[in-house]
Amino acid sequence: MSKLRIAILSYRSAPFGGGQGVYIRDISYALSLKGHKIDVISGPPYPNLAKQVKLIKLPGLDLFQTFLFKERLKIFFNKKNKKLIDYYEFLSTLLGGFPEMRTFGSRAKNYLKNNDYDIIIDNQSLSYGVRDLQKENPLIEIIHHPITKDYEHELETNNKFLYRLSRHRWYSFLKMQKKVAPKLQAIVTPSINSLKDIAADFHCDPKNITVINNGLDIDIFIPHKNIERRKFRLITTASADVPLKGLDYSLMALSALKDKYPDIELIVIGKIKKDGHTSKLIKRLGIKDSIKFKTDLSKEEIAKEYAKSSISIVSSLYEGFGYPVIEAMSCAVPLVAANTSSIPELVGDYATLIPAKSSKELAESIKHIFSDYLKYKNIAEAGRQHIIDNFNWLKITQEYENIIYKTIEEHKNADL
């Protein structure tokens, strides 16, 4: 098979705090190891990439680096050679929207005029610009899960009119995505559950969707047997104040366990919002001294946090694909996870599954593991082999190559 020039588009690629930057680094590196020439074209914040992968910065206004109006106004006025799309980005953000997907797609379309890439891979912007690029280029769209699910879960948390109005405005980009998604000829998603949700919520033909799991650095996420586990340490990965991640239920379970296990503690890989919902809940539950938030950690540092912990928790209400699930399993940490969305298909028989939104069930499962730790430790060690067999990048990169070559061939033969 011939080696290809591949452009990977990403409207934002933060290297920490969220999976997009991690995914972009991993997939670009994996494809480069197969001999392909990879350019990542990204909006800010930018990813940390492997040396052999070229980063092409496609800056927008990056207005979400601050939430202060005066600073956003300064950013806008300091932008030289402003175009119409810059005015749209500023005004949409000013009115409570999230325009980055649309504006990045427009800039990417303009940048890629007369390009010489063999194929373009877009990481879930689902923008009008990307739809237009498909007319002239072989294109694969990555959809980790439909953002309709985030919207639904946020609305469930608050019935106040102004809150719901603000969420409706923020998620206004969904109108664009629902128009674009059915027009895309090749979609890759990381789970069967996401395939079903994309087909249902975005009205896409399932025949156009291919399931390819995300991969994991199984040589980085390792058990670290030289590091001693702390008997009553729990660990979870969650963005505070993001309802979809279900952090509330982990916090309530921690509170319920304090009397029985005074030394219990919870490490949260994520950032807490000052005076936000999570901060207030921690104060109300009286567990401030039993919880620590850690941010901006490398993969190696995260793996070592797992190694220090005795139980991993994934209390998400929805996961298109759960990186924390396979990270914990690869580190051979006993796992308790919500029995929802893609999680059951990822964990197989190697985790304790509980109903979503149940802090009581979560607390009871933690008790069971503490009371018979050797049993669950053995299950976790078998779970690591499950991850090695199914989520290694060698296997997954081959699946990506298959869909890439197929998409190129079908585009050559298509009547567009």
Protein backbone atom coordinates (compact mmCIF):
# COMPACT_ATOMS: atom_id res chain seq x y z
CA MET A 1 0.00 0.00 0.00
CA SER A 2 1.22 3.47 -0.89
CA LYS A 3 2.15 5.94 1.83
CA LEU A 4 -0.16 8.91 2.08
CA ARG A 5 -0.21 12.61 2.91
CA ILE A 6 -2.89 12.96 5.56
CA ALA A 7 -4.34 16.15 7.05
CA ILE A 8 -5.97 15.76 10.46
CA LEU A 9 -8.24 18.67 11.42
CA SER A 10 -9.01 19.55 15.03
CA TYR A 11 -10.91 22.69 15.98
CA ARG A 12 -9.32 22.62 19.47
CA SER A 13 -6.75 20.18 20.86
CA ALA A 14 -5.97 20.92 24.51
CA PRO A 15 -3.23 18.45 25.52
CA PHE A 16 -4.68 18.15 29.03
CA GLY A 17 -8.21 18.23 30.38
CA GLY A 18 -10.39 16.42 27.88
CA GLY A 19 -9.84 13.71 25.33
CA GLN A 20 -9.51 15.64 22.07
CA GLY A 21 -5.86 16.60 22.41
CA VAL A 22 -5.00 13.09 23.59
CA TYR A 23 -6.81 11.51 20.67
CA ILE A 24 -5.17 13.84 18.12
CA ARG A 25 -1.69 13.10 19.45
CA ASP A 26 -2.30 9.35 19.53
CA ILE A 27 -3.89 8.91 16.11
CA SER A 28 -1.41 11.20 14.33
CA TYR A 29 1.53 9.41 15.93
CA ALA A 30 0.12 5.94 15.19
CA LEU A 31 -0.43 6.75 11.51
CA SER A 32 3.02 8.34 11.21
CA LEU A 33 4.59 5.10 12.47
CA LYS A 34 3.05 3.39 9.45
CA GLY A 35 5.07 5.69 7.20
CA HIS A 36 2.38 8.23 6.34
CA LYS A 37 3.16 11.97 6.31
CA ILE A 38 0.82 13.55 8.86
CA ASP A 39 -0.03 17.21 9.26
CA VAL A 40 -2.28 18.23 12.16
CA ILE A 41 -4.18 21.42 11.39
CA SER A 42 -5.51 22.72 14.69
CA GLY A 43 -7.17 25.67 16.26
CA PRO A 44 -6.10 26.80 19.75
CA PRO A 45 -5.37 25.43 22.28
CA TYR A 46 -2.79 23.41 20.38
CA PRO A 47 -1.79 19.78 20.96
CA ASN A 48 1.54 18.31 21.98
CA LEU A 49 2.54 16.14 19.01
CA ALA A 50 5.22 13.60 18.25
CA LYS A 51 8.33 15.02 16.55
CA GLN A 52 7.57 13.45 13.17
CA VAL A 53 4.08 15.00 13.05
CA LYS A 54 3.84 18.57 11.74
CA LEU A 55 1.58 21.04 13.54
CA ILE A 56 -0.06 23.69 11.39
CA LYS A 57 -1.66 26.33 13.57
CA LEU A 58 -4.94 27.74 12.32
CA PRO A 59 -5.66 30.42 14.90
CA GLY A 60 -9.08 31.80 15.61
CA LEU A 61 -9.79 34.41 18.23
CA ASP A 62 -9.51 31.84 21.06
CA LEU A 63 -12.03 33.81 23.11
CA PHE A 64 -12.54 31.01 25.62
CA GLN A 65 -9.10 31.57 27.11
CA THR A 66 -10.95 34.12 29.26
CA PHE A 67 -14.51 34.83 30.33
CA LEU A 68 -13.99 38.53 30.99
CA PHE A 69 -15.72 40.80 28.47
CA LYS A 70 -12.97 43.45 28.52
CA GLU A 71 -10.30 40.87 27.74
CA ARG A 72 -12.37 39.35 24.94
CA LEU A 73 -12.93 42.80 23.50
CA LYS A 74 -9.17 43.43 23.62
CA ILE A 75 -8.48 40.14 21.83
CA PHE A 76 -10.95 41.04 19.10
CA PHE A 77 -9.65 44.57 18.52
CA ASN A 78 -6.03 43.40 18.54
CA LYS A 79 -6.72 40.89 15.75
CA LYS A 80 -5.15 42.21 12.56
CA ASN A 81 -6.73 41.85 9.13
CA LYS A 82 -10.08 40.82 10.54
CA LYS A 83 -12.40 38.91 8.22
CA LEU A 84 -16.14 38.39 8.32
CA ILE A 85 -15.69 35.07 10.13
CA ASP A 86 -13.86 36.88 12.97
CA TYR A 87 -16.83 39.22 13.46
CA TYR A 88 -19.16 36.22 13.52
CA GLU A 89 -16.99 34.43 16.10
CA PHE A 90 -16.88 37.46 18.38
CA LEU A 91 -20.60 38.25 18.20
CA SER A 92 -21.69 34.64 18.60
CA THR A 93 -19.48 34.22 21.68
CA LEU A 94 -20.72 37.54 23.06
CA LEU A 95 -24.30 36.22 22.79
CA GLY A 96 -23.48 33.03 24.68
CA GLY A 97 -22.79 30.68 21.76
CA PHE A 98 -19.91 28.33 21.01
CA PRO A 99 -18.93 29.12 17.40
CA GLU A 100 -15.46 27.51 17.26
CA MET A 101 -16.54 24.45 15.26
CA ARG A 102 -18.16 26.57 12.55
CA THR A 103 -15.43 29.18 12.38
CA PHE A 104 -12.64 26.59 12.35
CA GLY A 105 -14.37 24.73 9.53
CA SER A 106 -14.56 27.91 7.49
CA ARG A 107 -10.88 28.67 8.04
CA ALA A 108 -9.88 25.07 7.30
CA LYS A 109 -11.85 25.12 4.05
CA ASN A 110 -10.06 28.30 2.97
CA TYR A 111 -6.64 26.96 4.03
CA LEU A 112 -7.09 23.67 2.18
CA LYS A 113 -7.96 25.17 -1.18
CA ASN A 114 -5.80 23.50 -3.85
CA ASN A 115 -4.24 21.19 -1.23
CA ASP A 116 -2.30 18.08 -2.17
CA TYR A 117 -3.38 15.79 0.68
CA ASP A 118 -4.55 12.30 -0.17
CA ILE A 119 -7.23 12.40 2.52
CA ILE A 120 -8.58 14.71 5.22
CA ILE A 121 -9.64 13.47 8.66
CA ASP A 122 -11.75 15.88 10.72
CA ASN A 123 -12.11 15.45 14.47
CA GLN A 124 -15.82 16.09 15.09
CA SER A 125 -16.27 19.71 14.05
CA LEU A 126 -19.15 18.60 11.79
CA SER A 127 -18.97 22.05 10.23
CA TYR A 128 -20.22 23.48 6.97
CA GLY A 129 -16.64 23.99 5.85
CA VAL A 130 -15.82 20.32 6.32
CA ARG A 131 -18.96 19.31 4.43
CA ASP A 132 -17.78 21.46 1.53
CA LEU A 133 -14.28 19.98 1.66
CA GLN A 134 -15.80 16.54 1.07
CA LYS A 135 -16.94 17.61 -2.41
CA GLU A 136 -13.36 17.79 -3.62
CA ASN A 137 -11.46 15.57 -1.17
CA PRO A 138 -11.68 12.10 0.35
CA LEU A 139 -12.79 12.87 3.90
CA ILE A 140 -13.40 10.94 7.11
CA GLU A 141 -15.31 12.50 9.99
CA ILE A 142 -14.54 11.35 13.54
CA ILE A 143 -17.57 11.54 15.85
CA HIS A 144 -16.78 10.33 19.35
CA HIS A 145 -20.43 10.71 20.33
CA PRO A 146 -23.25 13.08 19.36
CA ILE A 147 -23.12 16.21 21.51
CA THR A 148 -26.90 15.99 21.75
CA LYS A 149 -26.23 13.73 24.74
CA ASP A 150 -24.30 16.46 26.57
CA TYR A 151 -27.15 18.86 25.89
CA GLU A 152 -29.81 16.44 27.16
CA HIS A 153 -27.98 15.71 30.40
CA GLU A 154 -27.31 19.38 31.10
CA LEU A 155 -31.00 20.21 30.71
CA GLU A 156 -31.85 17.45 33.20
CA THR A 157 -29.83 19.16 35.93
CA ASN A 158 -31.69 22.46 36.05
CA ASN A 159 -35.25 23.51 35.18
CA LYS A 160 -34.70 27.25 35.56
CA PHE A 161 -35.68 29.20 32.47
CA LEU A 162 -32.53 31.34 32.20
CA TYR A 163 -30.26 28.32 32.62
CA ARG A 164 -32.09 26.37 29.92
CA LEU A 165 -32.03 29.41 27.65
CA SER A 166 -28.27 29.76 28.11
CA ARG A 167 -27.74 26.04 27.36
CA HIS A 168 -29.91 26.31 24.26
CA ARG A 169 -27.80 29.21 23.04
CA TRP A 170 -24.49 27.44 23.85
CA TYR A 171 -25.51 24.28 21.98
CA SER A 172 -26.88 26.18 18.98
CA PHE A 173 -24.06 24.61 16.91
CA LEU A 174 -26.08 21.38 17.00
CA LYS A 175 -28.33 22.78 14.26
CA MET A 176 -25.30 22.86 11.98
CA GLN A 177 -24.11 19.43 13.01
CA LYS A 178 -27.51 17.86 12.40
CA LYS A 179 -27.49 19.32 8.88
CA VAL A 180 -23.91 18.29 8.11
CA ALA A 181 -23.72 14.79 9.59
CA PRO A 182 -26.21 13.06 7.22
CA LYS A 183 -24.25 14.43 4.23
CA LEU A 184 -20.96 12.85 5.28
CA GLN A 185 -19.95 9.72 3.39
CA ALA A 186 -17.47 8.24 5.88
CA ILE A 187 -17.81 8.49 9.66
CA VAL A 188 -15.66 6.73 12.26
CA THR A 189 -16.86 6.35 15.84
CA PRO A 190 -15.24 4.49 18.76
CA SER A 191 -18.13 2.34 19.99
CA ILE A 192 -21.25 0.48 18.87
CA ASN A 193 -23.26 2.57 21.32
CA SER A 194 -22.05 5.79 19.67
CA LEU A 195 -22.92 4.39 16.24
CA LYS A 196 -26.51 3.85 17.36
CA ASP A 197 -26.74 7.31 18.92
CA ILE A 198 -25.24 9.05 15.87
CA ALA A 199 -27.66 7.26 13.57
CA ALA A 200 -30.61 8.19 15.80
CA ASP A 201 -29.75 11.76 16.81
CA PHE A 202 -28.03 12.93 13.62
CA HIS A 203 -30.14 10.85 11.20
CA CYS A 204 -27.08 9.28 9.60
CA ASP A 205 -27.14 6.08 7.56
CA PRO A 206 -25.49 3.39 9.74
CA LYS A 207 -23.86 2.01 6.57
CA ASN A 208 -21.71 5.16 6.47
CA ILE A 209 -20.46 4.65 10.04
CA THR A 210 -17.49 2.45 10.95
CA VAL A 211 -16.71 1.50 14.54
CA ILE A 212 -13.02 1.67 15.44
CA ASN A 213 -12.14 1.73 19.12
CA ASN A 214 -9.76 4.36 20.42
CA GLY A 215 -6.35 3.00 21.29
CA LEU A 216 -4.27 3.31 24.41
CA ASP A 217 -0.57 3.52 25.21
CA ILE A 218 -0.42 0.15 26.95
CA ASP A 219 3.30 0.65 27.58
CA ILE A 220 2.59 3.86 29.51
CA PHE A 221 -0.58 2.86 31.33
CA ILE A 222 0.97 0.00 33.27
CA PRO A 223 0.48 -1.37 36.81
CA HIS A 224 3.78 0.11 38.20
CA LYS A 225 4.24 -2.73 40.67
CA ASN A 226 7.06 -0.83 42.39
CA ILE A 227 4.56 1.79 43.56
CA GLU A 228 2.56 0.88 46.66
CA ARG A 229 -1.21 1.24 46.44
CA ARG A 230 -2.83 3.28 49.19
CA LYS A 231 -5.45 1.05 50.75
CA PHE A 232 -8.35 3.50 50.86
CA ARG A 233 -7.52 5.75 47.92
CA LEU A 234 -10.13 6.10 45.15
CA ILE A 235 -9.46 7.72 41.79
CA THR A 236 -11.73 9.13 39.10
CA THR A 237 -11.40 11.32 36.03
CA ALA A 238 -14.04 14.00 35.65
CA SER A 239 -14.47 17.57 34.55
CA ALA A 240 -16.06 19.27 37.52
CA ASP A 241 -19.44 20.91 36.83
CA VAL A 242 -19.94 18.85 33.66
CA PRO A 243 -23.12 16.88 34.47
CA LEU A 244 -22.35 14.18 31.90
CA LYS A 245 -19.40 12.95 33.99
CA GLY A 246 -21.56 12.16 37.02
CA LEU A 247 -19.00 13.38 39.55
CA ASP A 248 -21.79 14.19 42.04
CA TYR A 249 -22.43 10.48 42.60
CA SER A 250 -18.77 9.76 43.36
CA LEU A 251 -18.73 12.62 45.86
CA MET A 252 -21.91 11.42 47.57
CA ALA A 253 -20.55 7.87 47.76
CA LEU A 254 -17.34 9.19 49.32
CA SER A 255 -19.38 11.04 51.92
CA ALA A 256 -21.40 7.89 52.72
CA LEU A 257 -18.19 5.87 53.25
CA LYS A 258 -16.40 8.34 55.53
CA ASP A 259 -17.72 6.93 58.80
CA LYS A 260 -16.74 3.34 57.99
CA TYR A 261 -13.41 4.29 56.38
CA PRO A 262 -12.09 7.49 58.02
CA ASP A 263 -8.92 7.40 55.90
CA ILE A 264 -10.72 7.16 52.58
CA GLU A 265 -9.74 9.73 49.97
CA LEU A 266 -10.62 10.55 46.37
CA ILE A 267 -8.25 11.80 43.69
CA VAL A 268 -10.00 13.56 40.82
CA ILE A 269 -8.06 13.95 37.57
CA GLY A 270 -9.70 17.16 36.48
CA LYS A 271 -10.16 20.81 37.33
CA ILE A 272 -12.58 22.25 39.84
CA LYS A 273 -14.42 25.46 39.04
CA LYS A 274 -14.12 28.08 41.76
CA ASP A 275 -17.47 28.57 43.53
CA GLY A 276 -19.11 26.22 41.05
CA HIS A 277 -21.63 23.45 41.65
CA THR A 278 -18.99 20.85 42.56
CA SER A 279 -17.21 23.16 44.97
CA LYS A 280 -20.48 23.89 46.76
CA LEU A 281 -21.41 20.19 46.91
CA ILE A 282 -18.03 19.27 48.44
CA LYS A 283 -18.52 21.94 51.10
CA ARG A 284 -22.08 20.79 51.82
CA LEU A 285 -20.99 17.14 52.17
CA GLY A 286 -18.06 18.08 54.42
CA ILE A 287 -15.48 16.11 52.40
CA LYS A 288 -13.07 18.88 51.46
CA ASP A 289 -10.17 17.26 53.34
CA SER A 290 -10.79 13.90 51.63
CA ILE A 291 -10.62 15.02 48.01
CA LYS A 292 -7.87 16.38 45.77
CA PHE A 293 -8.10 17.65 42.20
CA LYS A 294 -5.08 17.21 39.92
CA THR A 295 -4.78 18.85 36.53
CA ASP A 296 -2.37 19.13 33.60
CA LEU A 297 -0.90 15.69 34.18
CA SER A 298 1.04 13.78 31.53
CA LYS A 299 0.04 10.22 30.64
CA GLU A 300 2.95 8.94 32.71
CA GLU A 301 1.84 10.98 35.72
CA ILE A 302 -1.76 9.78 35.38
CA ALA A 303 -0.58 6.16 35.24
CA LYS A 304 1.35 6.69 38.49
CA GLU A 305 -1.77 8.14 40.14
CA TYR A 306 -3.63 4.97 39.18
CA ALA A 307 -0.76 2.93 40.63
CA LYS A 308 -1.16 4.69 43.99
CA SER A 309 -4.92 4.02 44.06
CA SER A 310 -6.87 0.95 45.13
CA ILE A 311 -10.14 1.49 43.25
CA SER A 312 -11.01 3.46 40.13
CA ILE A 313 -14.48 4.96 39.65
CA VAL A 314 -16.20 5.95 36.41
CA SER A 315 -19.61 7.35 37.40
CA SER A 316 -20.34 8.99 34.04
CA LEU A 317 -23.90 9.29 32.84
CA TYR A 318 -22.73 8.87 29.26
CA GLU A 319 -19.49 7.94 27.50
CA GLY A 320 -19.14 7.73 23.75
CA PHE A 321 -15.87 6.02 24.56
CA GLY A 322 -14.44 6.02 28.06
CA TYR A 323 -10.71 6.72 28.13
CA PRO A 324 -10.75 6.57 31.97
CA VAL A 325 -12.27 3.08 31.75
CA ILE A 326 -9.50 1.58 29.63
CA GLU A 327 -6.77 3.60 31.39
CA ALA A 328 -7.76 2.17 34.77
CA MET A 329 -8.04 -1.34 33.39
CA SER A 330 -4.67 -1.09 31.66
CA CYS A 331 -3.17 -0.09 35.02
CA ALA A 332 -4.85 -3.16 36.62
CA VAL A 333 -6.86 -1.12 39.12
CA PRO A 334 -10.17 -2.64 40.29
CA LEU A 335 -12.86 -0.66 38.49
CA VAL A 336 -16.42 0.34 39.41
CA ALA A 337 -18.26 1.87 36.46
CA ALA A 338 -21.75 2.97 35.52
CA ASN A 339 -23.60 0.43 33.39
CA THR A 340 -24.44 2.90 30.66
CA SER A 341 -23.70 3.86 27.03
CA SER A 342 -20.41 2.40 25.72
CA ILE A 343 -18.99 1.32 29.08
CA PRO A 344 -20.27 -2.31 29.12
CA GLU A 345 -18.82 -3.03 25.68
CA LEU A 346 -15.43 -1.70 26.77
CA VAL A 347 -15.05 -3.48 30.10
CA GLY A 348 -16.39 -6.95 29.28
CA ASP A 349 -16.40 -9.07 32.45
CA TYR A 350 -13.52 -7.21 34.09
CA ALA A 351 -15.25 -4.47 36.08
CA THR A 352 -18.06 -4.03 38.58
CA LEU A 353 -20.98 -2.41 36.77
CA ILE A 354 -23.59 -0.45 38.71
CA PRO A 355 -26.69 1.53 37.72
CA ALA A 356 -25.95 5.10 36.64
CA LYS A 357 -26.93 7.89 39.05
CA SER A 358 -26.73 5.65 42.12
CA SER A 359 -24.33 6.80 44.83
CA LYS A 360 -25.74 4.07 47.09
CA GLU A 361 -24.83 1.26 44.66
CA LEU A 362 -21.43 2.87 44.13
CA ALA A 363 -20.72 2.99 47.87
CA GLU A 364 -21.83 -0.63 48.31
CA SER A 365 -19.58 -1.80 45.46
CA ILE A 366 -16.60 -0.01 46.97
CA LYS A 367 -17.28 -1.77 50.28
CA HIS A 368 -17.38 -5.16 48.54
CA ILE A 369 -14.02 -4.53 46.87
CA PHE A 370 -12.39 -3.38 50.11
CA SER A 371 -13.69 -6.49 51.90
CA ASP A 372 -12.30 -8.95 49.31
CA TYR A 373 -9.55 -7.00 47.62
CA LEU A 374 -7.49 -9.96 46.37
CA LYS A 375 -10.45 -11.25 44.34
CA TYR A 376 -10.97 -7.92 42.59
CA LYS A 377 -7.24 -7.39 42.16
CA ASN A 378 -7.07 -10.68 40.20
CA ILE A 379 -10.01 -9.59 38.04
CA ALA A 380 -8.25 -6.28 37.38
CA GLU A 381 -5.05 -8.04 36.31
CA ALA A 382 -7.05 -10.13 33.83
CA GLY A 383 -8.67 -6.88 32.68
CA ARG A 384 -5.26 -5.48 31.70
CA GLN A 385 -4.81 -8.37 29.27
CA HIS A 386 -8.25 -7.58 27.85
CA ILE A 387 -7.03 -4.04 27.12
CA ILE A 388 -3.77 -5.27 25.58
CA ASP A 389 -5.67 -7.62 23.27
CA ASN A 390 -8.35 -5.18 22.14
CA PHE A 391 -7.14 -1.59 22.44
CA ASN A 392 -3.53 -1.68 21.26
CA TRP A 393 -2.61 0.85 18.59
CA LEU A 394 -1.14 -1.76 16.21
CA LYS A 395 -4.56 -3.37 15.77
CA ILE A 396 -6.43 -0.08 15.69
CA THR A 397 -4.07 1.63 13.23
CA GLN A 398 -4.61 -1.21 10.78
CA GLU A 399 -8.36 -0.66 11.03
CA TYR A 400 -7.86 3.05 10.37
CA GLU A 401 -5.71 2.31 7.32
CA ASN A 402 -8.43 0.04 5.95
CA ILE A 403 -11.10 2.76 6.15
CA ILE A 404 -8.69 5.40 4.81
CA TYR A 405 -7.84 3.43 1.66
CA LYS A 406 -11.48 2.46 1.18
CA THR A 407 -12.60 6.12 1.45
CA ILE A 408 -9.99 7.24 -1.08
CA GLU A 409 -11.06 4.55 -3.54
CA GLU A 410 -14.76 5.30 -3.14
CA HIS A 411 -14.14 9.02 -3.61
CA LYS A 412 -12.36 8.35 -6.90
CA ASN A 413 -15.36 6.39 -8.12
CA ALA A 414 -18.03 8.70 -6.71
CA ASP A 415 -20.22 10.93 -8.82
CA LEU A 416 -20.02 14.13 -6.77
